[in-house]
N, C-alpha and C. Protein backbone atom coordinates (compact mmCIF):
# COMPACT_ATOMS: atom_id res chain seq x y z
N MET A 1 4.08 -14.99 -10.92
CA MET A 1 3.26 -14.02 -10.19
C MET A 1 3.91 -12.64 -10.27
N LYS A 2 3.13 -11.66 -10.72
CA LYS A 2 3.63 -10.30 -10.84
C LYS A 2 2.98 -9.40 -9.79
N ILE A 3 3.81 -8.70 -9.03
CA ILE A 3 3.33 -7.80 -7.98
C ILE A 3 3.87 -6.41 -8.23
N ALA A 4 3.00 -5.41 -8.18
CA ALA A 4 3.42 -4.01 -8.24
C ALA A 4 3.38 -3.42 -6.84
N TYR A 5 4.45 -2.73 -6.47
CA TYR A 5 4.47 -2.01 -5.20
C TYR A 5 4.14 -0.55 -5.47
N ILE A 6 3.02 -0.09 -4.90
CA ILE A 6 2.57 1.29 -5.05
C ILE A 6 2.82 1.98 -3.71
N ILE A 7 3.76 2.93 -3.69
CA ILE A 7 4.25 3.48 -2.42
C ILE A 7 3.94 4.97 -2.32
N LEU A 8 3.15 5.33 -1.33
CA LEU A 8 2.87 6.74 -1.05
C LEU A 8 4.08 7.37 -0.37
N THR A 9 4.58 8.46 -0.94
CA THR A 9 5.74 9.12 -0.36
C THR A 9 5.69 10.60 -0.70
N CYS A 10 6.77 11.31 -0.39
CA CYS A 10 6.86 12.74 -0.69
C CYS A 10 8.33 13.12 -0.82
N GLU A 11 8.58 14.32 -1.30
CA GLU A 11 9.96 14.75 -1.53
C GLU A 11 10.80 14.69 -0.26
N LYS A 12 10.19 14.98 0.87
CA LYS A 12 10.89 15.03 2.16
C LYS A 12 11.60 13.72 2.48
N TYR A 13 11.01 12.58 2.05
CA TYR A 13 11.54 11.28 2.46
C TYR A 13 12.24 10.52 1.35
N MET A 14 12.51 11.16 0.23
CA MET A 14 13.15 10.47 -0.88
C MET A 14 14.56 9.99 -0.52
N ASN A 15 15.28 10.76 0.29
CA ASN A 15 16.66 10.40 0.62
C ASN A 15 16.77 9.62 1.92
N THR A 16 15.65 9.34 2.56
CA THR A 16 15.69 8.57 3.79
C THR A 16 14.82 7.32 3.66
N ARG A 17 13.55 7.42 3.95
CA ARG A 17 12.67 6.24 3.95
C ARG A 17 12.67 5.49 2.62
N VAL A 18 12.61 6.22 1.52
CA VAL A 18 12.58 5.58 0.21
C VAL A 18 13.88 4.80 -0.03
N GLU A 19 15.01 5.41 0.30
CA GLU A 19 16.29 4.72 0.13
C GLU A 19 16.41 3.54 1.08
N TRP A 20 15.90 3.69 2.30
CA TRP A 20 16.00 2.61 3.27
C TRP A 20 15.15 1.41 2.84
N GLN A 21 13.98 1.67 2.29
CA GLN A 21 13.18 0.56 1.75
C GLN A 21 13.92 -0.13 0.61
N ALA A 22 14.52 0.67 -0.27
CA ALA A 22 15.22 0.12 -1.43
C ALA A 22 16.38 -0.78 -1.01
N LYS A 23 17.08 -0.41 0.06
CA LYS A 23 18.25 -1.16 0.50
C LYS A 23 17.87 -2.42 1.26
N THR A 24 16.65 -2.51 1.72
CA THR A 24 16.24 -3.65 2.54
C THR A 24 15.15 -4.46 1.84
N MET A 25 13.91 -4.16 2.11
CA MET A 25 12.79 -4.99 1.68
C MET A 25 12.61 -5.07 0.18
N LEU A 26 13.04 -4.03 -0.56
CA LEU A 26 12.85 -4.01 -2.01
C LEU A 26 14.11 -4.41 -2.79
N SER A 27 15.12 -4.85 -2.09
CA SER A 27 16.39 -5.15 -2.76
C SER A 27 16.28 -6.28 -3.78
N SER A 28 15.31 -7.16 -3.60
CA SER A 28 15.14 -8.28 -4.55
C SER A 28 13.95 -8.06 -5.49
N VAL A 29 13.34 -6.88 -5.42
CA VAL A 29 12.19 -6.56 -6.27
C VAL A 29 12.66 -5.81 -7.51
N ASP A 30 12.15 -6.21 -8.67
CA ASP A 30 12.48 -5.51 -9.91
C ASP A 30 12.10 -4.04 -9.79
N ARG A 31 13.04 -3.15 -10.05
CA ARG A 31 12.82 -1.71 -9.90
C ARG A 31 11.64 -1.23 -10.74
N ASN A 32 11.42 -1.86 -11.87
CA ASN A 32 10.33 -1.45 -12.76
C ASN A 32 8.95 -1.82 -12.21
N ASP A 33 8.92 -2.59 -11.13
CA ASP A 33 7.66 -2.97 -10.51
C ASP A 33 7.35 -2.09 -9.30
N ILE A 34 8.13 -1.02 -9.11
CA ILE A 34 7.95 -0.10 -7.99
C ILE A 34 7.44 1.24 -8.52
N TYR A 35 6.39 1.76 -7.90
CA TYR A 35 5.78 3.02 -8.32
C TYR A 35 5.66 3.93 -7.10
N TYR A 36 6.52 4.94 -7.04
CA TYR A 36 6.45 5.91 -5.95
C TYR A 36 5.47 7.02 -6.33
N LEU A 37 4.43 7.19 -5.54
CA LEU A 37 3.49 8.29 -5.77
C LEU A 37 4.03 9.47 -4.99
N GLY A 38 4.77 10.34 -5.69
CA GLY A 38 5.53 11.37 -5.02
C GLY A 38 5.24 12.78 -5.47
N HIS A 39 6.32 13.58 -5.54
CA HIS A 39 6.19 15.02 -5.72
C HIS A 39 6.34 15.49 -7.15
N THR A 40 6.83 14.61 -8.04
CA THR A 40 7.09 15.01 -9.42
C THR A 40 7.00 13.79 -10.32
N MET A 41 6.97 14.03 -11.63
CA MET A 41 6.98 12.94 -12.58
C MET A 41 8.41 12.71 -13.04
N ASP A 42 8.99 11.61 -12.62
CA ASP A 42 10.35 11.25 -12.99
C ASP A 42 10.40 9.73 -13.11
N THR A 43 9.98 9.23 -14.26
CA THR A 43 9.83 7.79 -14.43
C THR A 43 11.15 7.03 -14.33
N GLU A 44 12.26 7.69 -14.66
CA GLU A 44 13.55 7.02 -14.53
C GLU A 44 13.85 6.68 -13.09
N LYS A 45 13.36 7.51 -12.17
CA LYS A 45 13.54 7.26 -10.74
C LYS A 45 12.33 6.54 -10.15
N ARG A 46 11.39 6.17 -11.02
CA ARG A 46 10.16 5.48 -10.63
C ARG A 46 9.25 6.34 -9.77
N ILE A 47 9.34 7.66 -9.91
CA ILE A 47 8.47 8.59 -9.21
C ILE A 47 7.37 9.03 -10.16
N PHE A 48 6.12 9.01 -9.65
CA PHE A 48 4.99 9.35 -10.50
C PHE A 48 4.11 10.39 -9.81
N SER A 49 3.75 11.42 -10.57
CA SER A 49 2.86 12.47 -10.06
C SER A 49 2.09 13.06 -11.23
N TRP A 50 0.80 13.28 -11.00
CA TRP A 50 -0.04 13.90 -12.02
C TRP A 50 -0.60 15.23 -11.52
N GLY A 51 0.11 15.84 -10.55
CA GLY A 51 -0.27 17.18 -10.11
C GLY A 51 -0.80 17.29 -8.70
N ALA A 52 -0.97 16.19 -7.98
CA ALA A 52 -1.44 16.27 -6.60
C ALA A 52 -0.41 16.97 -5.73
N GLY A 53 -0.86 17.58 -4.65
CA GLY A 53 0.06 18.22 -3.72
C GLY A 53 0.96 17.22 -3.04
N ASP A 54 1.95 17.73 -2.31
CA ASP A 54 2.94 16.84 -1.70
C ASP A 54 2.88 16.86 -0.18
N ASP A 55 1.73 17.26 0.37
CA ASP A 55 1.55 17.27 1.82
C ASP A 55 0.68 16.08 2.23
N TYR A 56 0.52 15.89 3.54
CA TYR A 56 -0.21 14.72 4.05
C TYR A 56 -1.64 14.68 3.54
N ASN A 57 -2.32 15.83 3.55
CA ASN A 57 -3.72 15.86 3.14
C ASN A 57 -3.92 15.56 1.66
N SER A 58 -2.83 15.57 0.89
CA SER A 58 -2.93 15.30 -0.54
C SER A 58 -2.75 13.82 -0.88
N LEU A 59 -2.49 12.99 0.11
CA LEU A 59 -2.27 11.57 -0.18
C LEU A 59 -3.46 10.91 -0.88
N PRO A 60 -4.71 11.20 -0.48
CA PRO A 60 -5.83 10.59 -1.23
C PRO A 60 -5.84 11.00 -2.70
N TYR A 61 -5.43 12.24 -2.99
CA TYR A 61 -5.41 12.72 -4.38
C TYR A 61 -4.32 11.99 -5.18
N LYS A 62 -3.23 11.61 -4.51
CA LYS A 62 -2.20 10.84 -5.20
C LYS A 62 -2.74 9.48 -5.61
N PHE A 63 -3.54 8.86 -4.73
CA PHE A 63 -4.18 7.60 -5.09
C PHE A 63 -5.15 7.79 -6.25
N VAL A 64 -5.98 8.83 -6.17
CA VAL A 64 -6.94 9.09 -7.24
C VAL A 64 -6.22 9.26 -8.57
N ASP A 65 -5.16 10.07 -8.57
CA ASP A 65 -4.40 10.30 -9.81
C ASP A 65 -3.81 9.01 -10.34
N PHE A 66 -3.32 8.16 -9.44
CA PHE A 66 -2.73 6.89 -9.87
C PHE A 66 -3.76 6.02 -10.58
N PHE A 67 -4.92 5.84 -9.97
CA PHE A 67 -5.93 4.97 -10.56
C PHE A 67 -6.51 5.56 -11.84
N ARG A 68 -6.55 6.87 -11.94
CA ARG A 68 -7.10 7.50 -13.14
C ARG A 68 -6.13 7.46 -14.31
N ASN A 69 -4.85 7.46 -14.03
CA ASN A 69 -3.87 7.66 -15.09
C ASN A 69 -3.00 6.45 -15.40
N SER A 70 -3.11 5.41 -14.62
CA SER A 70 -2.29 4.22 -14.87
C SER A 70 -3.10 3.16 -15.60
N ASP A 71 -2.40 2.32 -16.33
CA ASP A 71 -3.01 1.20 -17.04
C ASP A 71 -2.00 0.06 -16.99
N LEU A 72 -1.99 -0.64 -15.87
CA LEU A 72 -0.95 -1.64 -15.59
C LEU A 72 -1.54 -3.04 -15.60
N THR A 73 -0.68 -4.01 -15.86
CA THR A 73 -1.09 -5.41 -15.85
C THR A 73 -0.22 -6.17 -14.87
N TYR A 74 -0.75 -6.36 -13.67
CA TYR A 74 -0.10 -7.16 -12.63
C TYR A 74 -1.15 -8.08 -12.02
N ASP A 75 -0.67 -9.17 -11.41
CA ASP A 75 -1.60 -10.04 -10.68
C ASP A 75 -2.09 -9.34 -9.41
N TRP A 76 -1.14 -8.65 -8.76
CA TRP A 76 -1.44 -8.03 -7.46
C TRP A 76 -0.82 -6.64 -7.39
N PHE A 77 -1.47 -5.77 -6.61
CA PHE A 77 -0.97 -4.43 -6.35
C PHE A 77 -0.88 -4.26 -4.84
N PHE A 78 0.32 -3.97 -4.35
CA PHE A 78 0.55 -3.82 -2.91
C PHE A 78 0.68 -2.33 -2.61
N LEU A 79 -0.31 -1.76 -1.94
CA LEU A 79 -0.34 -0.34 -1.62
C LEU A 79 0.22 -0.13 -0.22
N ILE A 80 1.30 0.62 -0.11
CA ILE A 80 1.94 0.83 1.18
C ILE A 80 2.40 2.28 1.33
N ASP A 81 2.84 2.61 2.54
CA ASP A 81 3.45 3.91 2.82
C ASP A 81 4.97 3.75 2.80
N ASP A 82 5.67 4.88 2.78
CA ASP A 82 7.13 4.80 2.78
C ASP A 82 7.71 4.45 4.15
N ASP A 83 6.85 4.39 5.18
CA ASP A 83 7.32 3.96 6.51
C ASP A 83 6.78 2.57 6.85
N THR A 84 6.49 1.79 5.81
CA THR A 84 6.05 0.40 5.95
C THR A 84 7.17 -0.54 5.55
N PHE A 85 7.34 -1.63 6.29
CA PHE A 85 8.29 -2.67 5.92
C PHE A 85 7.52 -3.91 5.50
N VAL A 86 7.88 -4.46 4.36
CA VAL A 86 7.21 -5.64 3.81
C VAL A 86 8.21 -6.79 3.69
N PHE A 87 7.79 -7.96 4.14
CA PHE A 87 8.61 -9.17 3.96
C PHE A 87 8.21 -9.79 2.62
N HIS A 88 8.94 -9.43 1.59
CA HIS A 88 8.54 -9.74 0.22
C HIS A 88 8.38 -11.24 -0.02
N ASP A 89 9.32 -12.05 0.44
CA ASP A 89 9.23 -13.49 0.21
C ASP A 89 7.99 -14.08 0.86
N ARG A 90 7.63 -13.56 2.01
CA ARG A 90 6.44 -14.05 2.70
C ARG A 90 5.17 -13.63 1.95
N VAL A 91 5.23 -12.48 1.33
CA VAL A 91 4.09 -12.03 0.51
C VAL A 91 3.87 -13.00 -0.65
N LEU A 92 4.95 -13.39 -1.30
CA LEU A 92 4.84 -14.35 -2.40
C LEU A 92 4.22 -15.65 -1.92
N ASN A 93 4.64 -16.11 -0.77
CA ASN A 93 4.08 -17.35 -0.22
C ASN A 93 2.61 -17.18 0.13
N LEU A 94 2.27 -16.04 0.73
CA LEU A 94 0.88 -15.77 1.09
C LEU A 94 -0.02 -15.75 -0.14
N LEU A 95 0.41 -15.03 -1.17
CA LEU A 95 -0.44 -14.85 -2.35
C LEU A 95 -0.58 -16.11 -3.18
N SER A 96 0.31 -17.07 -2.99
CA SER A 96 0.21 -18.32 -3.73
C SER A 96 -1.07 -19.08 -3.38
N SER A 97 -1.71 -18.70 -2.26
CA SER A 97 -2.94 -19.38 -1.83
C SER A 97 -4.20 -18.71 -2.37
N TYR A 98 -4.04 -17.62 -3.12
CA TYR A 98 -5.20 -16.87 -3.60
C TYR A 98 -5.18 -16.77 -5.12
N ASP A 99 -6.36 -16.60 -5.68
CA ASP A 99 -6.54 -16.49 -7.12
C ASP A 99 -6.58 -15.01 -7.52
N PRO A 100 -5.58 -14.52 -8.25
CA PRO A 100 -5.54 -13.10 -8.60
C PRO A 100 -6.58 -12.68 -9.62
N THR A 101 -7.33 -13.63 -10.18
CA THR A 101 -8.39 -13.27 -11.12
C THR A 101 -9.70 -12.97 -10.41
N GLN A 102 -9.72 -13.19 -9.09
CA GLN A 102 -10.90 -12.90 -8.29
C GLN A 102 -10.75 -11.53 -7.62
N LYS A 103 -11.86 -10.94 -7.20
CA LYS A 103 -11.81 -9.63 -6.53
C LYS A 103 -11.48 -9.83 -5.05
N ILE A 104 -10.20 -9.61 -4.73
CA ILE A 104 -9.71 -9.88 -3.37
C ILE A 104 -8.93 -8.68 -2.86
N CYS A 105 -9.12 -8.38 -1.58
CA CYS A 105 -8.32 -7.37 -0.88
C CYS A 105 -7.80 -8.02 0.40
N ILE A 106 -6.49 -7.90 0.65
CA ILE A 106 -5.87 -8.51 1.82
C ILE A 106 -5.15 -7.42 2.61
N GLY A 107 -5.33 -7.42 3.92
CA GLY A 107 -4.64 -6.44 4.76
C GLY A 107 -5.10 -6.54 6.19
N LYS A 108 -4.95 -5.44 6.93
CA LYS A 108 -5.38 -5.37 8.32
C LYS A 108 -6.60 -4.48 8.41
N GLU A 109 -7.71 -5.07 8.82
CA GLU A 109 -8.96 -4.33 8.92
C GLU A 109 -9.03 -3.62 10.27
N LEU A 110 -9.27 -2.31 10.23
CA LEU A 110 -9.38 -1.51 11.45
C LEU A 110 -10.85 -1.23 11.76
N ASP A 111 -11.16 -1.22 13.06
CA ASP A 111 -12.56 -1.04 13.46
C ASP A 111 -12.76 0.13 14.43
N HIS A 112 -11.75 0.98 14.60
CA HIS A 112 -11.86 2.02 15.62
C HIS A 112 -12.85 3.12 15.24
N ILE A 113 -13.22 3.20 13.97
CA ILE A 113 -14.24 4.18 13.57
C ILE A 113 -15.42 3.47 12.91
N LYS A 114 -15.64 2.22 13.29
CA LYS A 114 -16.71 1.46 12.66
C LYS A 114 -18.09 2.04 12.96
N HIS A 115 -18.21 2.80 14.06
CA HIS A 115 -19.49 3.40 14.42
C HIS A 115 -19.77 4.68 13.63
N MET A 116 -18.77 5.15 12.86
CA MET A 116 -18.93 6.36 12.07
C MET A 116 -19.27 6.00 10.63
N VAL A 117 -19.44 7.00 9.81
CA VAL A 117 -19.90 6.78 8.43
C VAL A 117 -18.91 5.93 7.64
N TRP A 118 -17.61 5.96 7.98
CA TRP A 118 -16.62 5.24 7.19
C TRP A 118 -16.61 3.75 7.51
N GLY A 119 -16.98 3.37 8.72
CA GLY A 119 -17.06 1.97 9.09
C GLY A 119 -15.69 1.29 9.13
N LEU A 120 -15.68 0.00 8.80
CA LEU A 120 -14.45 -0.78 8.75
C LEU A 120 -13.66 -0.41 7.50
N TYR A 121 -12.32 -0.44 7.62
CA TYR A 121 -11.49 -0.20 6.44
C TYR A 121 -10.13 -0.84 6.65
N MET A 122 -9.40 -1.07 5.55
CA MET A 122 -8.07 -1.64 5.61
C MET A 122 -7.05 -0.55 5.89
N SER A 123 -6.12 -0.82 6.78
CA SER A 123 -5.10 0.16 7.13
C SER A 123 -4.08 0.31 6.02
N GLY A 124 -3.94 1.51 5.50
CA GLY A 124 -2.96 1.74 4.44
C GLY A 124 -1.54 1.54 4.90
N GLY A 125 -1.23 2.01 6.12
CA GLY A 125 0.14 1.88 6.61
C GLY A 125 0.58 0.45 6.78
N ALA A 126 -0.34 -0.40 7.21
CA ALA A 126 0.00 -1.81 7.38
C ALA A 126 0.12 -2.52 6.04
N GLY A 127 -0.35 -1.86 4.99
CA GLY A 127 -0.28 -2.44 3.65
C GLY A 127 -1.60 -3.03 3.22
N THR A 128 -1.99 -2.77 1.98
CA THR A 128 -3.22 -3.31 1.42
C THR A 128 -2.91 -3.92 0.06
N ILE A 129 -3.21 -5.20 -0.10
CA ILE A 129 -2.99 -5.89 -1.36
C ILE A 129 -4.32 -6.04 -2.09
N ILE A 130 -4.36 -5.63 -3.34
CA ILE A 130 -5.57 -5.81 -4.14
C ILE A 130 -5.23 -6.59 -5.40
N SER A 131 -6.17 -7.38 -5.85
CA SER A 131 -5.97 -8.17 -7.07
C SER A 131 -6.20 -7.30 -8.31
N TYR A 132 -5.82 -7.83 -9.45
CA TYR A 132 -5.96 -7.09 -10.70
C TYR A 132 -7.41 -6.65 -10.97
N PRO A 133 -8.42 -7.52 -10.78
CA PRO A 133 -9.80 -7.07 -11.04
C PRO A 133 -10.21 -5.91 -10.14
N VAL A 134 -9.72 -5.86 -8.91
CA VAL A 134 -10.03 -4.74 -8.02
C VAL A 134 -9.38 -3.48 -8.55
N TYR A 135 -8.12 -3.59 -8.94
CA TYR A 135 -7.42 -2.44 -9.52
C TYR A 135 -8.18 -1.89 -10.72
N LYS A 136 -8.61 -2.77 -11.63
CA LYS A 136 -9.31 -2.31 -12.83
C LYS A 136 -10.64 -1.65 -12.49
N GLU A 137 -11.36 -2.20 -11.53
CA GLU A 137 -12.64 -1.61 -11.17
C GLU A 137 -12.46 -0.26 -10.46
N LEU A 138 -11.39 -0.14 -9.68
CA LEU A 138 -11.11 1.15 -9.05
C LEU A 138 -10.76 2.19 -10.11
N CYS A 139 -10.01 1.78 -11.11
CA CYS A 139 -9.70 2.69 -12.22
C CYS A 139 -10.97 3.18 -12.89
N GLU A 140 -11.89 2.27 -13.13
CA GLU A 140 -13.14 2.63 -13.80
C GLU A 140 -14.03 3.47 -12.89
N TYR A 141 -14.04 3.13 -11.61
CA TYR A 141 -14.89 3.86 -10.66
C TYR A 141 -14.42 5.31 -10.50
N LEU A 142 -13.11 5.52 -10.44
CA LEU A 142 -12.59 6.85 -10.17
C LEU A 142 -12.44 7.72 -11.41
N LYS A 143 -12.28 7.11 -12.55
CA LYS A 143 -11.94 7.86 -13.76
C LYS A 143 -12.95 8.94 -14.14
N PRO A 144 -14.25 8.69 -14.15
CA PRO A 144 -15.18 9.71 -14.66
C PRO A 144 -15.59 10.76 -13.62
N ARG A 145 -15.04 10.70 -12.41
CA ARG A 145 -15.50 11.56 -11.34
C ARG A 145 -14.53 12.71 -11.09
N THR A 146 -15.02 13.74 -10.43
CA THR A 146 -14.16 14.84 -10.02
C THR A 146 -13.54 14.50 -8.68
N ASN A 147 -12.45 15.16 -8.34
CA ASN A 147 -11.78 14.88 -7.07
C ASN A 147 -12.72 15.01 -5.87
N THR A 148 -13.54 16.04 -5.88
CA THR A 148 -14.40 16.27 -4.72
C THR A 148 -15.48 15.21 -4.57
N ASP A 149 -15.77 14.47 -5.63
CA ASP A 149 -16.77 13.41 -5.55
C ASP A 149 -16.29 12.21 -4.75
N VAL A 150 -14.99 11.99 -4.70
CA VAL A 150 -14.47 10.73 -4.16
C VAL A 150 -13.53 10.90 -2.98
N ILE A 151 -13.20 12.11 -2.59
CA ILE A 151 -12.35 12.31 -1.42
C ILE A 151 -13.24 12.46 -0.20
N TYR A 152 -13.35 11.37 0.57
CA TYR A 152 -14.24 11.35 1.72
C TYR A 152 -13.55 11.77 3.00
N HIS A 153 -12.22 11.73 3.01
CA HIS A 153 -11.46 11.95 4.25
C HIS A 153 -10.04 12.29 3.86
N TYR A 154 -9.30 12.94 4.77
CA TYR A 154 -7.90 13.27 4.46
C TYR A 154 -6.98 12.06 4.57
N CYS A 155 -7.45 10.95 5.18
CA CYS A 155 -6.64 9.72 5.26
C CYS A 155 -6.84 8.91 3.98
N ALA A 156 -5.74 8.62 3.33
CA ALA A 156 -5.81 7.89 2.06
C ALA A 156 -6.39 6.50 2.22
N ASP A 157 -6.09 5.84 3.36
CA ASP A 157 -6.58 4.47 3.52
C ASP A 157 -8.08 4.44 3.77
N ILE A 158 -8.62 5.47 4.44
CA ILE A 158 -10.07 5.53 4.62
C ILE A 158 -10.74 5.73 3.26
N CYS A 159 -10.17 6.60 2.43
CA CYS A 159 -10.72 6.79 1.08
C CYS A 159 -10.67 5.50 0.29
N LEU A 160 -9.53 4.81 0.35
CA LEU A 160 -9.41 3.54 -0.37
C LEU A 160 -10.47 2.55 0.10
N GLY A 161 -10.69 2.50 1.42
CA GLY A 161 -11.70 1.60 1.96
C GLY A 161 -13.09 1.95 1.46
N MET A 162 -13.40 3.25 1.40
CA MET A 162 -14.71 3.69 0.92
C MET A 162 -14.89 3.36 -0.56
N TRP A 163 -13.82 3.54 -1.35
CA TRP A 163 -13.93 3.22 -2.78
C TRP A 163 -14.22 1.74 -2.98
N MET A 164 -13.54 0.89 -2.21
CA MET A 164 -13.73 -0.55 -2.40
C MET A 164 -15.11 -1.00 -1.97
N LYS A 165 -15.74 -0.25 -1.06
CA LYS A 165 -17.11 -0.58 -0.66
C LYS A 165 -18.10 -0.35 -1.80
N LYS A 166 -17.68 0.42 -2.79
CA LYS A 166 -18.54 0.68 -3.95
C LYS A 166 -18.51 -0.49 -4.93
N LEU A 167 -17.56 -1.40 -4.75
CA LEU A 167 -17.42 -2.53 -5.67
C LEU A 167 -18.18 -3.74 -5.11
N SER A 168 -18.83 -4.46 -5.97
CA SER A 168 -19.60 -5.63 -5.53
C SER A 168 -18.75 -6.89 -5.61
N GLY A 169 -19.12 -7.87 -4.80
CA GLY A 169 -18.48 -9.18 -4.87
C GLY A 169 -17.05 -9.21 -4.36
N MET A 170 -16.70 -8.29 -3.47
CA MET A 170 -15.34 -8.20 -2.96
C MET A 170 -15.11 -9.18 -1.81
N LYS A 171 -13.98 -9.88 -1.84
CA LYS A 171 -13.57 -10.72 -0.71
C LYS A 171 -12.52 -9.96 0.08
N MET A 172 -12.83 -9.64 1.35
CA MET A 172 -11.91 -8.90 2.21
C MET A 172 -11.25 -9.88 3.18
N VAL A 173 -9.94 -9.94 3.16
CA VAL A 173 -9.19 -10.85 4.02
C VAL A 173 -8.48 -10.04 5.09
N ASP A 174 -8.92 -10.18 6.34
CA ASP A 174 -8.30 -9.50 7.48
C ASP A 174 -7.20 -10.41 8.02
N HIS A 175 -5.94 -10.03 7.76
CA HIS A 175 -4.82 -10.90 8.08
C HIS A 175 -4.10 -10.41 9.34
N PRO A 176 -3.92 -11.28 10.34
CA PRO A 176 -3.32 -10.86 11.62
C PRO A 176 -1.86 -10.47 11.54
N GLN A 177 -1.17 -10.84 10.45
CA GLN A 177 0.26 -10.55 10.37
C GLN A 177 0.58 -9.29 9.57
N PHE A 178 -0.45 -8.49 9.27
CA PHE A 178 -0.25 -7.14 8.76
C PHE A 178 -0.31 -6.21 9.97
N HIS A 179 0.83 -5.65 10.36
CA HIS A 179 0.91 -4.92 11.62
C HIS A 179 0.84 -3.41 11.40
N THR A 180 0.04 -2.74 12.21
CA THR A 180 -0.15 -1.30 12.08
C THR A 180 0.91 -0.49 12.82
N ASP A 181 1.86 -1.18 13.45
CA ASP A 181 2.92 -0.46 14.16
C ASP A 181 4.24 -1.20 14.03
N GLN A 182 5.28 -0.70 14.69
CA GLN A 182 6.61 -1.29 14.60
C GLN A 182 6.66 -2.66 15.27
N TYR A 183 7.73 -3.36 14.99
CA TYR A 183 7.95 -4.68 15.57
C TYR A 183 8.12 -4.59 17.08
N ASN A 184 7.40 -5.45 17.80
CA ASN A 184 7.51 -5.57 19.26
C ASN A 184 7.88 -7.01 19.57
N LYS A 185 9.09 -7.22 20.05
CA LYS A 185 9.57 -8.59 20.25
C LYS A 185 8.76 -9.35 21.30
N ASN A 186 8.01 -8.62 22.14
CA ASN A 186 7.23 -9.28 23.18
C ASN A 186 5.87 -9.77 22.69
N THR A 187 5.40 -9.22 21.58
CA THR A 187 4.06 -9.58 21.10
C THR A 187 4.00 -10.05 19.66
N ASP A 188 5.00 -9.71 18.87
CA ASP A 188 4.94 -10.00 17.43
C ASP A 188 5.81 -11.19 17.05
N SER A 189 5.36 -11.93 16.06
CA SER A 189 6.11 -13.08 15.57
C SER A 189 7.07 -12.65 14.47
N ALA A 190 8.35 -12.77 14.73
CA ALA A 190 9.35 -12.39 13.73
C ALA A 190 9.33 -13.34 12.54
N GLU A 191 8.85 -14.56 12.75
CA GLU A 191 8.85 -15.56 11.69
C GLU A 191 7.62 -15.49 10.79
N GLU A 192 6.55 -14.86 11.26
CA GLU A 192 5.30 -14.90 10.52
C GLU A 192 4.84 -13.54 10.01
N ALA A 193 5.41 -12.46 10.48
CA ALA A 193 4.95 -11.13 10.11
C ALA A 193 5.02 -10.91 8.60
N ILE A 194 4.02 -10.21 8.08
CA ILE A 194 4.00 -9.82 6.67
C ILE A 194 4.46 -8.37 6.51
N THR A 195 3.98 -7.50 7.39
CA THR A 195 4.38 -6.09 7.34
C THR A 195 4.51 -5.52 8.75
N PHE A 196 5.26 -4.41 8.84
CA PHE A 196 5.27 -3.54 10.01
C PHE A 196 5.16 -2.11 9.52
N HIS A 197 4.66 -1.24 10.39
CA HIS A 197 4.40 0.15 10.01
C HIS A 197 5.04 1.10 11.03
N HIS A 198 5.07 2.39 10.67
CA HIS A 198 5.59 3.47 11.51
C HIS A 198 7.08 3.35 11.77
N LEU A 199 7.83 2.82 10.79
CA LEU A 199 9.28 2.83 10.92
C LEU A 199 9.78 4.26 10.77
N LYS A 200 10.74 4.65 11.61
CA LYS A 200 11.16 6.05 11.63
C LYS A 200 12.64 6.26 11.31
N THR A 201 13.48 5.31 11.62
CA THR A 201 14.92 5.48 11.45
C THR A 201 15.50 4.35 10.61
N TRP A 202 16.74 4.55 10.16
CA TRP A 202 17.43 3.48 9.42
C TRP A 202 17.51 2.22 10.28
N GLU A 203 17.72 2.39 11.58
CA GLU A 203 17.82 1.25 12.47
C GLU A 203 16.54 0.42 12.48
N ASP A 204 15.38 1.08 12.33
CA ASP A 204 14.11 0.35 12.28
C ASP A 204 14.05 -0.55 11.04
N TYR A 205 14.47 -0.01 9.89
CA TYR A 205 14.46 -0.79 8.65
C TYR A 205 15.49 -1.93 8.72
N ALA A 206 16.65 -1.63 9.28
CA ALA A 206 17.70 -2.64 9.41
C ALA A 206 17.26 -3.76 10.35
N LEU A 207 16.55 -3.40 11.43
CA LEU A 207 16.05 -4.41 12.35
C LEU A 207 15.11 -5.37 11.64
N CYS A 208 14.15 -4.83 10.91
CA CYS A 208 13.20 -5.68 10.18
C CYS A 208 13.90 -6.52 9.12
N ASP A 209 14.89 -5.94 8.47
CA ASP A 209 15.65 -6.67 7.47
C ASP A 209 16.39 -7.83 8.12
N GLY A 210 16.88 -7.61 9.32
CA GLY A 210 17.54 -8.68 10.05
C GLY A 210 16.57 -9.79 10.43
N LEU A 211 15.34 -9.42 10.78
CA LEU A 211 14.33 -10.43 11.11
C LEU A 211 14.05 -11.30 9.89
N CYS A 212 14.07 -10.67 8.72
CA CYS A 212 13.81 -11.39 7.48
C CYS A 212 14.91 -12.41 7.20
N LYS A 213 16.16 -12.04 7.49
CA LYS A 213 17.30 -12.87 7.13
C LYS A 213 17.63 -13.93 8.18
N HIS A 214 17.23 -13.66 9.43
CA HIS A 214 17.65 -14.58 10.51
C HIS A 214 16.48 -15.22 11.22
């Protein structure tokens, strides 16, 4: 099983969040399977940019550039933020139950704006896993269009959700162990969690790494 980690980041966090992820959750992941959508093109450091800005509002454009300019062959693509923690071994176990040749999206579905035009969507920060056929169809869907045609919102995950709604035959899996916030020992299962989000300090990453090991 081949998994690509596609990580939204920026120059500001290269020496903090990016390094903290590398030292913890990505320590057993092949470096060549990591793609940082960042501020410059530096493939030796696994940083990729095709000209999008490096501020928060430019995150959807980084996704657009990635799908338009990449041609990768993986079973799964895990789209996350640089303040997301992923339990990699648990991801492998989770994905063993799904067929990567089918159009599948796995993550945490949010409904707080379901009454608005965007409706339900998968939370980018909690992590969104898409299968290879979804990746290929997104590449085809985004490639012939201009940026203004496909940027529906400044939140990258809302845009991603809108793009996937354009694809037919999609299976959306709303998984309870994709968490949109940090670990809470009073409510969250340390043994079952797949992801946590909004990590801010090295101690946050180290805590999650400890949960993984113990």
